[in-house]
Amino acid sequence: MAATAFEETLARADYVAACALLAPQTRQQLEQDSDKPCGSALADEELPVADPVRTTQVYGRQALLRLEGDTLFLSQFDDGWKIVAAGCKPVSGEPYRCALKGG
């Protein structure tokens, strides 16, 4: 599962491998915002390393995963599921605020 693999790569500080699990727009936005290659930019984000998945909601080609310590949004692409947003926290009466997200 992409979410588990993403969290494992973050735990190992293997940011280049984590970048491969990002949706193209998310990766592009991260690099554009930081003016750095994805791996370096992702390391700077200091995303939480989350533990087991608590809940999963799938809506067609979109998914919301709540983990112990983080919330991830994913989309399904031709080559599998990719992380669209990470480091997300709920905000009362508003959409989630995410540290990492695509444009």
C-alpha atoms as a PDB file:
ATOM      1  CA  MET A   1       0.000   0.000   0.000  1.00  0.00           C
ATOM      2  CA  ALA A   2       1.349   3.434  -0.952  1.00  0.00           C
ATOM      3  CA  ALA A   3       0.557   5.019   2.426  1.00  0.00           C
ATOM      4  CA  THR A   4       2.464   2.373   4.362  1.00  0.00           C
ATOM      5  CA  ALA A   5       5.405   2.540   1.958  1.00  0.00           C
ATOM      6  CA  PHE A   6       5.426   6.353   2.225  1.00  0.00           C
ATOM      7  CA  GLU A   7       5.504   6.263   6.023  1.00  0.00           C
ATOM      8  CA  GLU A   8       8.259   3.611   5.982  1.00  0.00           C
ATOM      9  CA  THR A   9      10.422   5.719   3.663  1.00  0.00           C
ATOM     10  CA  LEU A  10       9.940   8.758   5.917  1.00  0.00           C
ATOM     11  CA  ALA A  11      10.933   6.688   8.959  1.00  0.00           C
ATOM     12  CA  ARG A  12      14.150   5.655   7.162  1.00  0.00           C
ATOM     13  CA  ALA A  13      14.735   9.249   6.000  1.00  0.00           C
ATOM     14  CA  ASP A  14      14.780   7.893   2.435  1.00  0.00           C
ATOM     15  CA  TYR A  15      13.251  11.015   0.948  1.00  0.00           C
ATOM     16  CA  VAL A  16      14.105  10.161  -2.655  1.00  0.00           C
ATOM     17  CA  ALA A  17      12.069   6.938  -2.360  1.00  0.00           C
ATOM     18  CA  ALA A  18       9.267   8.873  -0.632  1.00  0.00           C
ATOM     19  CA  CYS A  19       9.198  11.318  -3.548  1.00  0.00           C
ATOM     20  CA  ALA A  20       8.529   8.432  -5.932  1.00  0.00           C
ATOM     21  CA  LEU A  21       5.296   7.803  -4.012  1.00  0.00           C
ATOM     22  CA  LEU A  22       4.005  11.360  -4.444  1.00  0.00           C
ATOM     23  CA  ALA A  23       1.433  12.337  -7.044  1.00  0.00           C
ATOM     24  CA  PRO A  24       3.044  14.279  -9.897  1.00  0.00           C
ATOM     25  CA  GLN A  25       1.344  17.585  -9.006  1.00  0.00           C
ATOM     26  CA  THR A  26       2.293  17.212  -5.339  1.00  0.00           C
ATOM     27  CA  ARG A  27       5.914  16.587  -6.202  1.00  0.00           C
ATOM     28  CA  GLN A  28       5.948  19.499  -8.648  1.00  0.00           C
ATOM     29  CA  GLN A  29       4.376  21.870  -6.096  1.00  0.00           C
ATOM     30  CA  LEU A  30       6.877  20.833  -3.414  1.00  0.00           C
ATOM     31  CA  GLU A  31       9.845  21.445  -5.718  1.00  0.00           C
ATOM     32  CA  GLN A  32       8.419  24.734  -6.966  1.00  0.00           C
ATOM     33  CA  ASP A  33       7.662  26.060  -3.446  1.00  0.00           C
ATOM     34  CA  SER A  34      11.093  25.148  -2.091  1.00  0.00           C
ATOM     35  CA  ASP A  35      13.200  25.684  -5.225  1.00  0.00           C
ATOM     36  CA  LYS A  36      14.950  22.387  -4.375  1.00  0.00           C
ATOM     37  CA  PRO A  37      14.853  18.820  -5.706  1.00  0.00           C
ATOM     38  CA  CYS A  38      12.074  16.743  -4.196  1.00  0.00           C
ATOM     39  CA  GLY A  39      14.240  14.717  -1.779  1.00  0.00           C
ATOM     40  CA  SER A  40      15.819  17.781  -0.166  1.00  0.00           C
ATOM     41  CA  ALA A  41      12.528  19.644  -0.099  1.00  0.00           C
ATOM     42  CA  LEU A  42      10.711  16.710   1.503  1.00  0.00           C
ATOM     43  CA  ALA A  43      13.384  16.406   4.202  1.00  0.00           C
ATOM     44  CA  ASP A  44      12.815  20.071   5.045  1.00  0.00           C
ATOM     45  CA  GLU A  45       9.074  19.483   5.511  1.00  0.00           C
ATOM     46  CA  GLU A  46       9.635  17.436   8.699  1.00  0.00           C
ATOM     47  CA  LEU A  47       6.452  15.466   8.137  1.00  0.00           C
ATOM     48  CA  PRO A  48       5.262  13.300  11.010  1.00  0.00           C
ATOM     49  CA  VAL A  49       6.166   9.640  10.831  1.00  0.00           C
ATOM     50  CA  ALA A  50       2.847   7.986  11.508  1.00  0.00           C
ATOM     51  CA  ASP A  51       1.989   4.612  12.909  1.00  0.00           C
ATOM     52  CA  PRO A  52      -0.723   2.170  11.882  1.00  0.00           C
ATOM     53  CA  VAL A  53      -3.694   3.141   9.757  1.00  0.00           C
ATOM     54  CA  ARG A  54      -6.743   3.754  11.930  1.00  0.00           C
ATOM     55  CA  THR A  55      -9.366   4.323   9.225  1.00  0.00           C
ATOM     56  CA  THR A  56      -9.544   4.272   5.454  1.00  0.00           C
ATOM     57  CA  GLN A  57     -12.219   5.850   3.282  1.00  0.00           C
ATOM     58  CA  VAL A  58     -12.156   5.241  -0.466  1.00  0.00           C
ATOM     59  CA  TYR A  59     -14.226   7.254  -2.899  1.00  0.00           C
ATOM     60  CA  GLY A  60     -13.623   5.827  -6.368  1.00  0.00           C
ATOM     61  CA  ARG A  61     -10.066   6.872  -7.258  1.00  0.00           C
ATOM     62  CA  GLN A  62      -9.571   9.006  -4.139  1.00  0.00           C
ATOM     63  CA  ALA A  63      -8.791   7.888  -0.588  1.00  0.00           C
ATOM     64  CA  LEU A  64      -8.455   9.397   2.877  1.00  0.00           C
ATOM     65  CA  LEU A  65      -6.308   7.509   5.376  1.00  0.00           C
ATOM     66  CA  ARG A  66      -6.213   8.470   9.020  1.00  0.00           C
ATOM     67  CA  LEU A  67      -3.112   7.113  10.690  1.00  0.00           C
ATOM     68  CA  GLU A  68      -1.968   7.397  14.262  1.00  0.00           C
ATOM     69  CA  GLY A  69      -0.168  10.735  13.963  1.00  0.00           C
ATOM     70  CA  ASP A  70      -1.042  11.856  10.422  1.00  0.00           C
ATOM     71  CA  THR A  71      -3.738  12.009   7.770  1.00  0.00           C
ATOM     72  CA  LEU A  72      -2.976  11.290   4.111  1.00  0.00           C
ATOM     73  CA  PHE A  73      -4.941  11.873   0.932  1.00  0.00           C
ATOM     74  CA  LEU A  74      -4.267   9.576  -2.027  1.00  0.00           C
ATOM     75  CA  SER A  75      -5.362   9.292  -5.649  1.00  0.00           C
ATOM     76  CA  GLN A  76      -5.193   6.292  -7.932  1.00  0.00           C
ATOM     77  CA  PHE A  77      -3.113   6.735 -11.082  1.00  0.00           C
ATOM     78  CA  ASP A  78      -2.407   4.304 -13.923  1.00  0.00           C
ATOM     79  CA  ASP A  79       0.705   3.115 -12.060  1.00  0.00           C
ATOM     80  CA  GLY A  80      -0.997   2.799  -8.656  1.00  0.00           C
ATOM     81  CA  TRP A  81      -1.933   4.886  -5.635  1.00  0.00           C
ATOM     82  CA  LYS A  82       0.056   8.074  -4.979  1.00  0.00           C
ATOM     83  CA  ILE A  83       0.169  10.510  -2.062  1.00  0.00           C
ATOM     84  CA  VAL A  84      -1.632  13.744  -2.938  1.00  0.00           C
ATOM     85  CA  ALA A  85      -1.369  15.366   0.505  1.00  0.00           C
ATOM     86  CA  ALA A  86       0.347  14.548   3.805  1.00  0.00           C
ATOM     87  CA  GLY A  87       0.834  16.136   7.186  1.00  0.00           C
ATOM     88  CA  CYS A  88      -2.877  16.959   7.208  1.00  0.00           C
ATOM     89  CA  LYS A  89      -4.809  18.110  10.247  1.00  0.00           C
ATOM     90  CA  PRO A  90      -8.564  18.660  10.531  1.00  0.00           C
ATOM     91  CA  VAL A  91      -9.747  22.211  11.126  1.00  0.00           C
ATOM     92  CA  SER A  92     -13.188  22.711  12.644  1.00  0.00           C
ATOM     93  CA  GLY A  93     -15.658  23.788   9.996  1.00  0.00           C
ATOM     94  CA  GLU A  94     -12.981  23.940   7.270  1.00  0.00           C
ATOM     95  CA  PRO A  95     -11.099  21.555   4.972  1.00  0.00           C
ATOM     96  CA  TYR A  96      -7.987  19.800   6.238  1.00  0.00           C
ATOM     97  CA  ARG A  97      -4.795  21.845   6.369  1.00  0.00           C
ATOM     98  CA  CYS A  98      -1.915  19.917   4.880  1.00  0.00           C
ATOM     99  CA  ALA A  99       1.811  20.574   5.153  1.00  0.00           C
ATOM    100  CA  LEU A 100       2.392  18.849   1.805  1.00  0.00           C
ATOM    101  CA  LYS A 101      -0.105  19.102  -1.065  1.00  0.00           C
ATOM    102  CA  GLY A 102      -0.344  19.497  -4.787  1.00  0.00           C
ATOM    103  CA  GLY A 103      -1.415  22.630  -6.617  1.00  0.00           C
END
